[in-house]
Each structure stands twice: as C-alpha cells, then as structure tokens.
C-alpha cells in the first residue's frame, strides 16, 4: 500500500529448505 516511485523494481518470491526465515 501507499506505493512510491522508489518501490519500482522486480519483485521475487523465494523459499528456504528450512522452516525458519533468513535475512540473506
């Protein structure tokens, strides 16, 4: 919501093999 011009990008989803998320 409240999208800004600086939000312009290609957005990707990703999945880990484990259940806890990573920052990397």
PDBML (XML) file of the C-alpha atoms, coordinates in Angstrom:
<?xml version="1.0" encoding="UTF-8" ?>
<PDBx:datablock datablockName="MODEL"
   xmlns:PDBx="http://pdbml.pdb.org/schema/pdbx-v50.xsd"
   xmlns:xsi="http://www.w3.org/2001/XMLSchema-instance"
   xsi:schemaLocation="http://pdbml.pdb.org/schema/pdbx-v50.xsd pdbx-v50.xsd">
   <PDBx:atom_siteCategory>
      <PDBx:atom_site id="1">
         <PDBx:B_iso_or_equiv>0.00</PDBx:B_iso_or_equiv>
         <PDBx:Cartn_x>0.000</PDBx:Cartn_x>
         <PDBx:Cartn_y>0.000</PDBx:Cartn_y>
         <PDBx:Cartn_z>0.000</PDBx:Cartn_z>
         <PDBx:auth_asym_id>A</PDBx:auth_asym_id>
         <PDBx:auth_atom_id>CA</PDBx:auth_atom_id>
         <PDBx:auth_comp_id>UNK</PDBx:auth_comp_id>
         <PDBx:auth_seq_id>1</PDBx:auth_seq_id>
         <PDBx:group_PDB>ATOM</PDBx:group_PDB>
         <PDBx:label_alt_id xsi:nil="true" />
         <PDBx:label_asym_id>A</PDBx:label_asym_id>
         <PDBx:label_atom_id>CA</PDBx:label_atom_id>
         <PDBx:label_comp_id>UNK</PDBx:label_comp_id>
         <PDBx:label_entity_id>1</PDBx:label_entity_id>
         <PDBx:label_seq_id>1</PDBx:label_seq_id>
         <PDBx:occupancy>1.00</PDBx:occupancy>
         <PDBx:pdbx_PDB_model_num>1</PDBx:pdbx_PDB_model_num>
         <PDBx:type_symbol>C</PDBx:type_symbol>
      </PDBx:atom_site>
      <PDBx:atom_site id="2">
         <PDBx:B_iso_or_equiv>0.00</PDBx:B_iso_or_equiv>
         <PDBx:Cartn_x>0.955</PDBx:Cartn_x>
         <PDBx:Cartn_y>3.670</PDBx:Cartn_y>
         <PDBx:Cartn_z>-0.317</PDBx:Cartn_z>
         <PDBx:auth_asym_id>A</PDBx:auth_asym_id>
         <PDBx:auth_atom_id>CA</PDBx:auth_atom_id>
         <PDBx:auth_comp_id>UNK</PDBx:auth_comp_id>
         <PDBx:auth_seq_id>2</PDBx:auth_seq_id>
         <PDBx:group_PDB>ATOM</PDBx:group_PDB>
         <PDBx:label_alt_id xsi:nil="true" />
         <PDBx:label_asym_id>A</PDBx:label_asym_id>
         <PDBx:label_atom_id>CA</PDBx:label_atom_id>
         <PDBx:label_comp_id>UNK</PDBx:label_comp_id>
         <PDBx:label_entity_id>1</PDBx:label_entity_id>
         <PDBx:label_seq_id>2</PDBx:label_seq_id>
         <PDBx:occupancy>1.00</PDBx:occupancy>
         <PDBx:pdbx_PDB_model_num>1</PDBx:pdbx_PDB_model_num>
         <PDBx:type_symbol>C</PDBx:type_symbol>
      </PDBx:atom_site>
      <PDBx:atom_site id="3">
         <PDBx:B_iso_or_equiv>0.00</PDBx:B_iso_or_equiv>
         <PDBx:Cartn_x>3.300</PDBx:Cartn_x>
         <PDBx:Cartn_y>2.793</PDBx:Cartn_y>
         <PDBx:Cartn_z>-3.148</PDBx:Cartn_z>
         <PDBx:auth_asym_id>A</PDBx:auth_asym_id>
         <PDBx:auth_atom_id>CA</PDBx:auth_atom_id>
         <PDBx:auth_comp_id>UNK</PDBx:auth_comp_id>
         <PDBx:auth_seq_id>3</PDBx:auth_seq_id>
         <PDBx:group_PDB>ATOM</PDBx:group_PDB>
         <PDBx:label_alt_id xsi:nil="true" />
         <PDBx:label_asym_id>A</PDBx:label_asym_id>
         <PDBx:label_atom_id>CA</PDBx:label_atom_id>
         <PDBx:label_comp_id>UNK</PDBx:label_comp_id>
         <PDBx:label_entity_id>1</PDBx:label_entity_id>
         <PDBx:label_seq_id>3</PDBx:label_seq_id>
         <PDBx:occupancy>1.00</PDBx:occupancy>
         <PDBx:pdbx_PDB_model_num>1</PDBx:pdbx_PDB_model_num>
         <PDBx:type_symbol>C</PDBx:type_symbol>
      </PDBx:atom_site>
      <PDBx:atom_site id="4">
         <PDBx:B_iso_or_equiv>0.00</PDBx:B_iso_or_equiv>
         <PDBx:Cartn_x>6.080</PDBx:Cartn_x>
         <PDBx:Cartn_y>5.215</PDBx:Cartn_y>
         <PDBx:Cartn_z>-4.040</PDBx:Cartn_z>
         <PDBx:auth_asym_id>A</PDBx:auth_asym_id>
         <PDBx:auth_atom_id>CA</PDBx:auth_atom_id>
         <PDBx:auth_comp_id>UNK</PDBx:auth_comp_id>
         <PDBx:auth_seq_id>4</PDBx:auth_seq_id>
         <PDBx:group_PDB>ATOM</PDBx:group_PDB>
         <PDBx:label_alt_id xsi:nil="true" />
         <PDBx:label_asym_id>A</PDBx:label_asym_id>
         <PDBx:label_atom_id>CA</PDBx:label_atom_id>
         <PDBx:label_comp_id>UNK</PDBx:label_comp_id>
         <PDBx:label_entity_id>1</PDBx:label_entity_id>
         <PDBx:label_seq_id>4</PDBx:label_seq_id>
         <PDBx:occupancy>1.00</PDBx:occupancy>
         <PDBx:pdbx_PDB_model_num>1</PDBx:pdbx_PDB_model_num>
         <PDBx:type_symbol>C</PDBx:type_symbol>
      </PDBx:atom_site>
      <PDBx:atom_site id="5">
         <PDBx:B_iso_or_equiv>0.00</PDBx:B_iso_or_equiv>
         <PDBx:Cartn_x>8.175</PDBx:Cartn_x>
         <PDBx:Cartn_y>5.624</PDBx:Cartn_y>
         <PDBx:Cartn_z>-7.200</PDBx:Cartn_z>
         <PDBx:auth_asym_id>A</PDBx:auth_asym_id>
         <PDBx:auth_atom_id>CA</PDBx:auth_atom_id>
         <PDBx:auth_comp_id>UNK</PDBx:auth_comp_id>
         <PDBx:auth_seq_id>5</PDBx:auth_seq_id>
         <PDBx:group_PDB>ATOM</PDBx:group_PDB>
         <PDBx:label_alt_id xsi:nil="true" />
         <PDBx:label_asym_id>A</PDBx:label_asym_id>
         <PDBx:label_atom_id>CA</PDBx:label_atom_id>
         <PDBx:label_comp_id>UNK</PDBx:label_comp_id>
         <PDBx:label_entity_id>1</PDBx:label_entity_id>
         <PDBx:label_seq_id>5</PDBx:label_seq_id>
         <PDBx:occupancy>1.00</PDBx:occupancy>
         <PDBx:pdbx_PDB_model_num>1</PDBx:pdbx_PDB_model_num>
         <PDBx:type_symbol>C</PDBx:type_symbol>
      </PDBx:atom_site>
      <PDBx:atom_site id="6">
         <PDBx:B_iso_or_equiv>0.00</PDBx:B_iso_or_equiv>
         <PDBx:Cartn_x>11.157</PDBx:Cartn_x>
         <PDBx:Cartn_y>4.207</PDBx:Cartn_y>
         <PDBx:Cartn_z>-5.300</PDBx:Cartn_z>
         <PDBx:auth_asym_id>A</PDBx:auth_asym_id>
         <PDBx:auth_atom_id>CA</PDBx:auth_atom_id>
         <PDBx:auth_comp_id>UNK</PDBx:auth_comp_id>
         <PDBx:auth_seq_id>6</PDBx:auth_seq_id>
         <PDBx:group_PDB>ATOM</PDBx:group_PDB>
         <PDBx:label_alt_id xsi:nil="true" />
         <PDBx:label_asym_id>A</PDBx:label_asym_id>
         <PDBx:label_atom_id>CA</PDBx:label_atom_id>
         <PDBx:label_comp_id>UNK</PDBx:label_comp_id>
         <PDBx:label_entity_id>1</PDBx:label_entity_id>
         <PDBx:label_seq_id>6</PDBx:label_seq_id>
         <PDBx:occupancy>1.00</PDBx:occupancy>
         <PDBx:pdbx_PDB_model_num>1</PDBx:pdbx_PDB_model_num>
         <PDBx:type_symbol>C</PDBx:type_symbol>
      </PDBx:atom_site>
      <PDBx:atom_site id="7">
         <PDBx:B_iso_or_equiv>0.00</PDBx:B_iso_or_equiv>
         <PDBx:Cartn_x>9.228</PDBx:Cartn_x>
         <PDBx:Cartn_y>0.939</PDBx:Cartn_y>
         <PDBx:Cartn_z>-4.910</PDBx:Cartn_z>
         <PDBx:auth_asym_id>A</PDBx:auth_asym_id>
         <PDBx:auth_atom_id>CA</PDBx:auth_atom_id>
         <PDBx:auth_comp_id>UNK</PDBx:auth_comp_id>
         <PDBx:auth_seq_id>7</PDBx:auth_seq_id>
         <PDBx:group_PDB>ATOM</PDBx:group_PDB>
         <PDBx:label_alt_id xsi:nil="true" />
         <PDBx:label_asym_id>A</PDBx:label_asym_id>
         <PDBx:label_atom_id>CA</PDBx:label_atom_id>
         <PDBx:label_comp_id>UNK</PDBx:label_comp_id>
         <PDBx:label_entity_id>1</PDBx:label_entity_id>
         <PDBx:label_seq_id>7</PDBx:label_seq_id>
         <PDBx:occupancy>1.00</PDBx:occupancy>
         <PDBx:pdbx_PDB_model_num>1</PDBx:pdbx_PDB_model_num>
         <PDBx:type_symbol>C</PDBx:type_symbol>
      </PDBx:atom_site>
      <PDBx:atom_site id="8">
         <PDBx:B_iso_or_equiv>0.00</PDBx:B_iso_or_equiv>
         <PDBx:Cartn_x>9.689</PDBx:Cartn_x>
         <PDBx:Cartn_y>0.350</PDBx:Cartn_y>
         <PDBx:Cartn_z>-8.642</PDBx:Cartn_z>
         <PDBx:auth_asym_id>A</PDBx:auth_asym_id>
         <PDBx:auth_atom_id>CA</PDBx:auth_atom_id>
         <PDBx:auth_comp_id>UNK</PDBx:auth_comp_id>
         <PDBx:auth_seq_id>8</PDBx:auth_seq_id>
         <PDBx:group_PDB>ATOM</PDBx:group_PDB>
         <PDBx:label_alt_id xsi:nil="true" />
         <PDBx:label_asym_id>A</PDBx:label_asym_id>
         <PDBx:label_atom_id>CA</PDBx:label_atom_id>
         <PDBx:label_comp_id>UNK</PDBx:label_comp_id>
         <PDBx:label_entity_id>1</PDBx:label_entity_id>
         <PDBx:label_seq_id>8</PDBx:label_seq_id>
         <PDBx:occupancy>1.00</PDBx:occupancy>
         <PDBx:pdbx_PDB_model_num>1</PDBx:pdbx_PDB_model_num>
         <PDBx:type_symbol>C</PDBx:type_symbol>
      </PDBx:atom_site>
      <PDBx:atom_site id="9">
         <PDBx:B_iso_or_equiv>0.00</PDBx:B_iso_or_equiv>
         <PDBx:Cartn_x>11.554</PDBx:Cartn_x>
         <PDBx:Cartn_y>-2.948</PDBx:Cartn_y>
         <PDBx:Cartn_z>-9.046</PDBx:Cartn_z>
         <PDBx:auth_asym_id>A</PDBx:auth_asym_id>
         <PDBx:auth_atom_id>CA</PDBx:auth_atom_id>
         <PDBx:auth_comp_id>UNK</PDBx:auth_comp_id>
         <PDBx:auth_seq_id>9</PDBx:auth_seq_id>
         <PDBx:group_PDB>ATOM</PDBx:group_PDB>
         <PDBx:label_alt_id xsi:nil="true" />
         <PDBx:label_asym_id>A</PDBx:label_asym_id>
         <PDBx:label_atom_id>CA</PDBx:label_atom_id>
         <PDBx:label_comp_id>UNK</PDBx:label_comp_id>
         <PDBx:label_entity_id>1</PDBx:label_entity_id>
         <PDBx:label_seq_id>9</PDBx:label_seq_id>
         <PDBx:occupancy>1.00</PDBx:occupancy>
         <PDBx:pdbx_PDB_model_num>1</PDBx:pdbx_PDB_model_num>
         <PDBx:type_symbol>C</PDBx:type_symbol>
      </PDBx:atom_site>
      <PDBx:atom_site id="10">
         <PDBx:B_iso_or_equiv>0.00</PDBx:B_iso_or_equiv>
         <PDBx:Cartn_x>11.247</PDBx:Cartn_x>
         <PDBx:Cartn_y>-6.581</PDBx:Cartn_y>
         <PDBx:Cartn_z>-9.992</PDBx:Cartn_z>
         <PDBx:auth_asym_id>A</PDBx:auth_asym_id>
         <PDBx:auth_atom_id>CA</PDBx:auth_atom_id>
         <PDBx:auth_comp_id>UNK</PDBx:auth_comp_id>
         <PDBx:auth_seq_id>10</PDBx:auth_seq_id>
         <PDBx:group_PDB>ATOM</PDBx:group_PDB>
         <PDBx:label_alt_id xsi:nil="true" />
         <PDBx:label_asym_id>A</PDBx:label_asym_id>
         <PDBx:label_atom_id>CA</PDBx:label_atom_id>
         <PDBx:label_comp_id>UNK</PDBx:label_comp_id>
         <PDBx:label_entity_id>1</PDBx:label_entity_id>
         <PDBx:label_seq_id>10</PDBx:label_seq_id>
         <PDBx:occupancy>1.00</PDBx:occupancy>
         <PDBx:pdbx_PDB_model_num>1</PDBx:pdbx_PDB_model_num>
         <PDBx:type_symbol>C</PDBx:type_symbol>
      </PDBx:atom_site>
      <PDBx:atom_site id="11">
         <PDBx:B_iso_or_equiv>0.00</PDBx:B_iso_or_equiv>
         <PDBx:Cartn_x>9.745</PDBx:Cartn_x>
         <PDBx:Cartn_y>-8.454</PDBx:Cartn_y>
         <PDBx:Cartn_z>-7.056</PDBx:Cartn_z>
         <PDBx:auth_asym_id>A</PDBx:auth_asym_id>
         <PDBx:auth_atom_id>CA</PDBx:auth_atom_id>
         <PDBx:auth_comp_id>UNK</PDBx:auth_comp_id>
         <PDBx:auth_seq_id>11</PDBx:auth_seq_id>
         <PDBx:group_PDB>ATOM</PDBx:group_PDB>
         <PDBx:label_alt_id xsi:nil="true" />
         <PDBx:label_asym_id>A</PDBx:label_asym_id>
         <PDBx:label_atom_id>CA</PDBx:label_atom_id>
         <PDBx:label_comp_id>UNK</PDBx:label_comp_id>
         <PDBx:label_entity_id>1</PDBx:label_entity_id>
         <PDBx:label_seq_id>11</PDBx:label_seq_id>
         <PDBx:occupancy>1.00</PDBx:occupancy>
         <PDBx:pdbx_PDB_model_num>1</PDBx:pdbx_PDB_model_num>
         <PDBx:type_symbol>C</PDBx:type_symbol>
      </PDBx:atom_site>
      <PDBx:atom_site id="12">
         <PDBx:B_iso_or_equiv>0.00</PDBx:B_iso_or_equiv>
         <PDBx:Cartn_x>10.739</PDBx:Cartn_x>
         <PDBx:Cartn_y>-12.058</PDBx:Cartn_y>
         <PDBx:Cartn_z>-6.373</PDBx:Cartn_z>
         <PDBx:auth_asym_id>A</PDBx:auth_asym_id>
         <PDBx:auth_atom_id>CA</PDBx:auth_atom_id>
         <PDBx:auth_comp_id>UNK</PDBx:auth_comp_id>
         <PDBx:auth_seq_id>12</PDBx:auth_seq_id>
         <PDBx:group_PDB>ATOM</PDBx:group_PDB>
         <PDBx:label_alt_id xsi:nil="true" />
         <PDBx:label_asym_id>A</PDBx:label_asym_id>
         <PDBx:label_atom_id>CA</PDBx:label_atom_id>
         <PDBx:label_comp_id>UNK</PDBx:label_comp_id>
         <PDBx:label_entity_id>1</PDBx:label_entity_id>
         <PDBx:label_seq_id>12</PDBx:label_seq_id>
         <PDBx:occupancy>1.00</PDBx:occupancy>
         <PDBx:pdbx_PDB_model_num>1</PDBx:pdbx_PDB_model_num>
         <PDBx:type_symbol>C</PDBx:type_symbol>
      </PDBx:atom_site>
      <PDBx:atom_site id="13">
         <PDBx:B_iso_or_equiv>0.00</PDBx:B_iso_or_equiv>
         <PDBx:Cartn_x>9.414</PDBx:Cartn_x>
         <PDBx:Cartn_y>-14.694</PDBx:Cartn_y>
         <PDBx:Cartn_z>-4.026</PDBx:Cartn_z>
         <PDBx:auth_asym_id>A</PDBx:auth_asym_id>
         <PDBx:auth_atom_id>CA</PDBx:auth_atom_id>
         <PDBx:auth_comp_id>UNK</PDBx:auth_comp_id>
         <PDBx:auth_seq_id>13</PDBx:auth_seq_id>
         <PDBx:group_PDB>ATOM</PDBx:group_PDB>
         <PDBx:label_alt_id xsi:nil="true" />
         <PDBx:label_asym_id>A</PDBx:label_asym_id>
         <PDBx:label_atom_id>CA</PDBx:label_atom_id>
         <PDBx:label_comp_id>UNK</PDBx:label_comp_id>
         <PDBx:label_entity_id>1</PDBx:label_entity_id>
         <PDBx:label_seq_id>13</PDBx:label_seq_id>
         <PDBx:occupancy>1.00</PDBx:occupancy>
         <PDBx:pdbx_PDB_model_num>1</PDBx:pdbx_PDB_model_num>
         <PDBx:type_symbol>C</PDBx:type_symbol>
      </PDBx:atom_site>
      <PDBx:atom_site id="14">
         <PDBx:B_iso_or_equiv>0.00</PDBx:B_iso_or_equiv>
         <PDBx:Cartn_x>11.759</PDBx:Cartn_x>
         <PDBx:Cartn_y>-17.273</PDBx:Cartn_y>
         <PDBx:Cartn_z>-2.570</PDBx:Cartn_z>
         <PDBx:auth_asym_id>A</PDBx:auth_asym_id>
         <PDBx:auth_atom_id>CA</PDBx:auth_atom_id>
         <PDBx:auth_comp_id>UNK</PDBx:auth_comp_id>
         <PDBx:auth_seq_id>14</PDBx:auth_seq_id>
         <PDBx:group_PDB>ATOM</PDBx:group_PDB>
         <PDBx:label_alt_id xsi:nil="true" />
         <PDBx:label_asym_id>A</PDBx:label_asym_id>
         <PDBx:label_atom_id>CA</PDBx:label_atom_id>
         <PDBx:label_comp_id>UNK</PDBx:label_comp_id>
         <PDBx:label_entity_id>1</PDBx:label_entity_id>
         <PDBx:label_seq_id>14</PDBx:label_seq_id>
         <PDBx:occupancy>1.00</PDBx:occupancy>
         <PDBx:pdbx_PDB_model_num>1</PDBx:pdbx_PDB_model_num>
         <PDBx:type_symbol>C</PDBx:type_symbol>
      </PDBx:atom_site>
      <PDBx:atom_site id="15">
         <PDBx:B_iso_or_equiv>0.00</PDBx:B_iso_or_equiv>
         <PDBx:Cartn_x>11.638</PDBx:Cartn_x>
         <PDBx:Cartn_y>-20.381</PDBx:Cartn_y>
         <PDBx:Cartn_z>-0.402</PDBx:Cartn_z>
         <PDBx:auth_asym_id>A</PDBx:auth_asym_id>
         <PDBx:auth_atom_id>CA</PDBx:auth_atom_id>
         <PDBx:auth_comp_id>UNK</PDBx:auth_comp_id>
         <PDBx:auth_seq_id>15</PDBx:auth_seq_id>
         <PDBx:group_PDB>ATOM</PDBx:group_PDB>
         <PDBx:label_alt_id xsi:nil="true" />
         <PDBx:label_asym_id>A</PDBx:label_asym_id>
         <PDBx:label_atom_id>CA</PDBx:label_atom_id>
         <PDBx:label_comp_id>UNK</PDBx:label_comp_id>
         <PDBx:label_entity_id>1</PDBx:label_entity_id>
         <PDBx:label_seq_id>15</PDBx:label_seq_id>
         <PDBx:occupancy>1.00</PDBx:occupancy>
         <PDBx:pdbx_PDB_model_num>1</PDBx:pdbx_PDB_model_num>
         <PDBx:type_symbol>C</PDBx:type_symbol>
      </PDBx:atom_site>
      <PDBx:atom_site id="16">
         <PDBx:B_iso_or_equiv>0.00</PDBx:B_iso_or_equiv>
         <PDBx:Cartn_x>14.137</PDBx:Cartn_x>
         <PDBx:Cartn_y>-21.880</PDBx:Cartn_y>
         <PDBx:Cartn_z>2.004</PDBx:Cartn_z>
         <PDBx:auth_asym_id>A</PDBx:auth_asym_id>
         <PDBx:auth_atom_id>CA</PDBx:auth_atom_id>
         <PDBx:auth_comp_id>UNK</PDBx:auth_comp_id>
         <PDBx:auth_seq_id>16</PDBx:auth_seq_id>
         <PDBx:group_PDB>ATOM</PDBx:group_PDB>
         <PDBx:label_alt_id xsi:nil="true" />
         <PDBx:label_asym_id>A</PDBx:label_asym_id>
         <PDBx:label_atom_id>CA</PDBx:label_atom_id>
         <PDBx:label_comp_id>UNK</PDBx:label_comp_id>
         <PDBx:label_entity_id>1</PDBx:label_entity_id>
         <PDBx:label_seq_id>16</PDBx:label_seq_id>
         <PDBx:occupancy>1.00</PDBx:occupancy>
         <PDBx:pdbx_PDB_model_num>1</PDBx:pdbx_PDB_model_num>
         <PDBx:type_symbol>C</PDBx:type_symbol>
      </PDBx:atom_site>
      <PDBx:atom_site id="17">
         <PDBx:B_iso_or_equiv>0.00</PDBx:B_iso_or_equiv>
         <PDBx:Cartn_x>14.569</PDBx:Cartn_x>
         <PDBx:Cartn_y>-25.570</PDBx:Cartn_y>
         <PDBx:Cartn_z>2.607</PDBx:Cartn_z>
         <PDBx:auth_asym_id>A</PDBx:auth_asym_id>
         <PDBx:auth_atom_id>CA</PDBx:auth_atom_id>
         <PDBx:auth_comp_id>UNK</PDBx:auth_comp_id>
         <PDBx:auth_seq_id>17</PDBx:auth_seq_id>
         <PDBx:group_PDB>ATOM</PDBx:group_PDB>
         <PDBx:label_alt_id xsi:nil="true" />
         <PDBx:label_asym_id>A</PDBx:label_asym_id>
         <PDBx:label_atom_id>CA</PDBx:label_atom_id>
         <PDBx:label_comp_id>UNK</PDBx:label_comp_id>
         <PDBx:label_entity_id>1</PDBx:label_entity_id>
         <PDBx:label_seq_id>17</PDBx:label_seq_id>
         <PDBx:occupancy>1.00</PDBx:occupancy>
         <PDBx:pdbx_PDB_model_num>1</PDBx:pdbx_PDB_model_num>
         <PDBx:type_symbol>C</PDBx:type_symbol>
      </PDBx:atom_site>
      <PDBx:atom_site id="18">
         <PDBx:B_iso_or_equiv>0.00</PDBx:B_iso_or_equiv>
         <PDBx:Cartn_x>14.101</PDBx:Cartn_x>
         <PDBx:Cartn_y>-24.974</PDBx:Cartn_y>
         <PDBx:Cartn_z>6.334</PDBx:Cartn_z>
         <PDBx:auth_asym_id>A</PDBx:auth_asym_id>
         <PDBx:auth_atom_id>CA</PDBx:auth_atom_id>
         <PDBx:auth_comp_id>UNK</PDBx:auth_comp_id>
         <PDBx:auth_seq_id>18</PDBx:auth_seq_id>
         <PDBx:group_PDB>ATOM</PDBx:group_PDB>
         <PDBx:label_alt_id xsi:nil="true" />
         <PDBx:label_asym_id>A</PDBx:label_asym_id>
         <PDBx:label_atom_id>CA</PDBx:label_atom_id>
         <PDBx:label_comp_id>UNK</PDBx:label_comp_id>
         <PDBx:label_entity_id>1</PDBx:label_entity_id>
         <PDBx:label_seq_id>18</PDBx:label_seq_id>
         <PDBx:occupancy>1.00</PDBx:occupancy>
         <PDBx:pdbx_PDB_model_num>1</PDBx:pdbx_PDB_model_num>
         <PDBx:type_symbol>C</PDBx:type_symbol>
      </PDBx:atom_site>
      <PDBx:atom_site id="19">
         <PDBx:B_iso_or_equiv>0.00</PDBx:B_iso_or_equiv>
         <PDBx:Cartn_x>11.229</PDBx:Cartn_x>
         <PDBx:Cartn_y>-23.581</PDBx:Cartn_y>
         <PDBx:Cartn_z>8.343</PDBx:Cartn_z>
         <PDBx:auth_asym_id>A</PDBx:auth_asym_id>
         <PDBx:auth_atom_id>CA</PDBx:auth_atom_id>
         <PDBx:auth_comp_id>UNK</PDBx:auth_comp_id>
         <PDBx:auth_seq_id>19</PDBx:auth_seq_id>
         <PDBx:group_PDB>ATOM</PDBx:group_PDB>
         <PDBx:label_alt_id xsi:nil="true" />
         <PDBx:label_asym_id>A</PDBx:label_asym_id>
         <PDBx:label_atom_id>CA</PDBx:label_atom_id>
         <PDBx:label_comp_id>UNK</PDBx:label_comp_id>
         <PDBx:label_entity_id>1</PDBx:label_entity_id>
         <PDBx:label_seq_id>19</PDBx:label_seq_id>
         <PDBx:occupancy>1.00</PDBx:occupancy>
         <PDBx:pdbx_PDB_model_num>1</PDBx:pdbx_PDB_model_num>
         <PDBx:type_symbol>C</PDBx:type_symbol>
      </PDBx:atom_site>
      <PDBx:atom_site id="20">
         <PDBx:B_iso_or_equiv>0.00</PDBx:B_iso_or_equiv>
         <PDBx:Cartn_x>12.925</PDBx:Cartn_x>
         <PDBx:Cartn_y>-20.502</PDBx:Cartn_y>
         <PDBx:Cartn_z>9.809</PDBx:Cartn_z>
         <PDBx:auth_asym_id>A</PDBx:auth_asym_id>
         <PDBx:auth_atom_id>CA</PDBx:auth_atom_id>
         <PDBx:auth_comp_id>UNK</PDBx:auth_comp_id>
         <PDBx:auth_seq_id>20</PDBx:auth_seq_id>
         <PDBx:group_PDB>ATOM</PDBx:group_PDB>
         <PDBx:label_alt_id xsi:nil="true" />
         <PDBx:label_asym_id>A</PDBx:label_asym_id>
         <PDBx:label_atom_id>CA</PDBx:label_atom_id>
         <PDBx:label_comp_id>UNK</PDBx:label_comp_id>
         <PDBx:label_entity_id>1</PDBx:label_entity_id>
         <PDBx:label_seq_id>20</PDBx:label_seq_id>
         <PDBx:occupancy>1.00</PDBx:occupancy>
         <PDBx:pdbx_PDB_model_num>1</PDBx:pdbx_PDB_model_num>
         <PDBx:type_symbol>C</PDBx:type_symbol>
      </PDBx:atom_site>
      <PDBx:atom_site id="21">
         <PDBx:B_iso_or_equiv>0.00</PDBx:B_iso_or_equiv>
         <PDBx:Cartn_x>13.461</PDBx:Cartn_x>
         <PDBx:Cartn_y>-17.426</PDBx:Cartn_y>
         <PDBx:Cartn_z>7.644</PDBx:Cartn_z>
         <PDBx:auth_asym_id>A</PDBx:auth_asym_id>
         <PDBx:auth_atom_id>CA</PDBx:auth_atom_id>
         <PDBx:auth_comp_id>UNK</PDBx:auth_comp_id>
         <PDBx:auth_seq_id>21</PDBx:auth_seq_id>
         <PDBx:group_PDB>ATOM</PDBx:group_PDB>
         <PDBx:label_alt_id xsi:nil="true" />
         <PDBx:label_asym_id>A</PDBx:label_asym_id>
         <PDBx:label_atom_id>CA</PDBx:label_atom_id>
         <PDBx:label_comp_id>UNK</PDBx:label_comp_id>
         <PDBx:label_entity_id>1</PDBx:label_entity_id>
         <PDBx:label_seq_id>21</PDBx:label_seq_id>
         <PDBx:occupancy>1.00</PDBx:occupancy>
         <PDBx:pdbx_PDB_model_num>1</PDBx:pdbx_PDB_model_num>
         <PDBx:type_symbol>C</PDBx:type_symbol>
      </PDBx:atom_site>
      <PDBx:atom_site id="22">
         <PDBx:B_iso_or_equiv>0.00</PDBx:B_iso_or_equiv>
         <PDBx:Cartn_x>16.805</PDBx:Cartn_x>
         <PDBx:Cartn_y>-15.859</PDBx:Cartn_y>
         <PDBx:Cartn_z>6.826</PDBx:Cartn_z>
         <PDBx:auth_asym_id>A</PDBx:auth_asym_id>
         <PDBx:auth_atom_id>CA</PDBx:auth_atom_id>
         <PDBx:auth_comp_id>UNK</PDBx:auth_comp_id>
         <PDBx:auth_seq_id>22</PDBx:auth_seq_id>
         <PDBx:group_PDB>ATOM</PDBx:group_PDB>
         <PDBx:label_alt_id xsi:nil="true" />
         <PDBx:label_asym_id>A</PDBx:label_asym_id>
         <PDBx:label_atom_id>CA</PDBx:label_atom_id>
         <PDBx:label_comp_id>UNK</PDBx:label_comp_id>
         <PDBx:label_entity_id>1</PDBx:label_entity_id>
         <PDBx:label_seq_id>22</PDBx:label_seq_id>
         <PDBx:occupancy>1.00</PDBx:occupancy>
         <PDBx:pdbx_PDB_model_num>1</PDBx:pdbx_PDB_model_num>
         <PDBx:type_symbol>C</PDBx:type_symbol>
      </PDBx:atom_site>
      <PDBx:atom_site id="23">
         <PDBx:B_iso_or_equiv>0.00</PDBx:B_iso_or_equiv>
         <PDBx:Cartn_x>17.807</PDBx:Cartn_x>
         <PDBx:Cartn_y>-12.254</PDBx:Cartn_y>
         <PDBx:Cartn_z>6.123</PDBx:Cartn_z>
         <PDBx:auth_asym_id>A</PDBx:auth_asym_id>
         <PDBx:auth_atom_id>CA</PDBx:auth_atom_id>
         <PDBx:auth_comp_id>UNK</PDBx:auth_comp_id>
         <PDBx:auth_seq_id>23</PDBx:auth_seq_id>
         <PDBx:group_PDB>ATOM</PDBx:group_PDB>
         <PDBx:label_alt_id xsi:nil="true" />
         <PDBx:label_asym_id>A</PDBx:label_asym_id>
         <PDBx:label_atom_id>CA</PDBx:label_atom_id>
         <PDBx:label_comp_id>UNK</PDBx:label_comp_id>
         <PDBx:label_entity_id>1</PDBx:label_entity_id>
         <PDBx:label_seq_id>23</PDBx:label_seq_id>
         <PDBx:occupancy>1.00</PDBx:occupancy>
         <PDBx:pdbx_PDB_model_num>1</PDBx:pdbx_PDB_model_num>
         <PDBx:type_symbol>C</PDBx:type_symbol>
      </PDBx:atom_site>
      <PDBx:atom_site id="24">
         <PDBx:B_iso_or_equiv>0.00</PDBx:B_iso_or_equiv>
         <PDBx:Cartn_x>20.132</PDBx:Cartn_x>
         <PDBx:Cartn_y>-13.308</PDBx:Cartn_y>
         <PDBx:Cartn_z>3.301</PDBx:Cartn_z>
         <PDBx:auth_asym_id>A</PDBx:auth_asym_id>
         <PDBx:auth_atom_id>CA</PDBx:auth_atom_id>
         <PDBx:auth_comp_id>UNK</PDBx:auth_comp_id>
         <PDBx:auth_seq_id>24</PDBx:auth_seq_id>
         <PDBx:group_PDB>ATOM</PDBx:group_PDB>
         <PDBx:label_alt_id xsi:nil="true" />
         <PDBx:label_asym_id>A</PDBx:label_asym_id>
         <PDBx:label_atom_id>CA</PDBx:label_atom_id>
         <PDBx:label_comp_id>UNK</PDBx:label_comp_id>
         <PDBx:label_entity_id>1</PDBx:label_entity_id>
         <PDBx:label_seq_id>24</PDBx:label_seq_id>
         <PDBx:occupancy>1.00</PDBx:occupancy>
         <PDBx:pdbx_PDB_model_num>1</PDBx:pdbx_PDB_model_num>
         <PDBx:type_symbol>C</PDBx:type_symbol>
      </PDBx:atom_site>
   </PDBx:atom_siteCategory>
</PDBx:datablock>
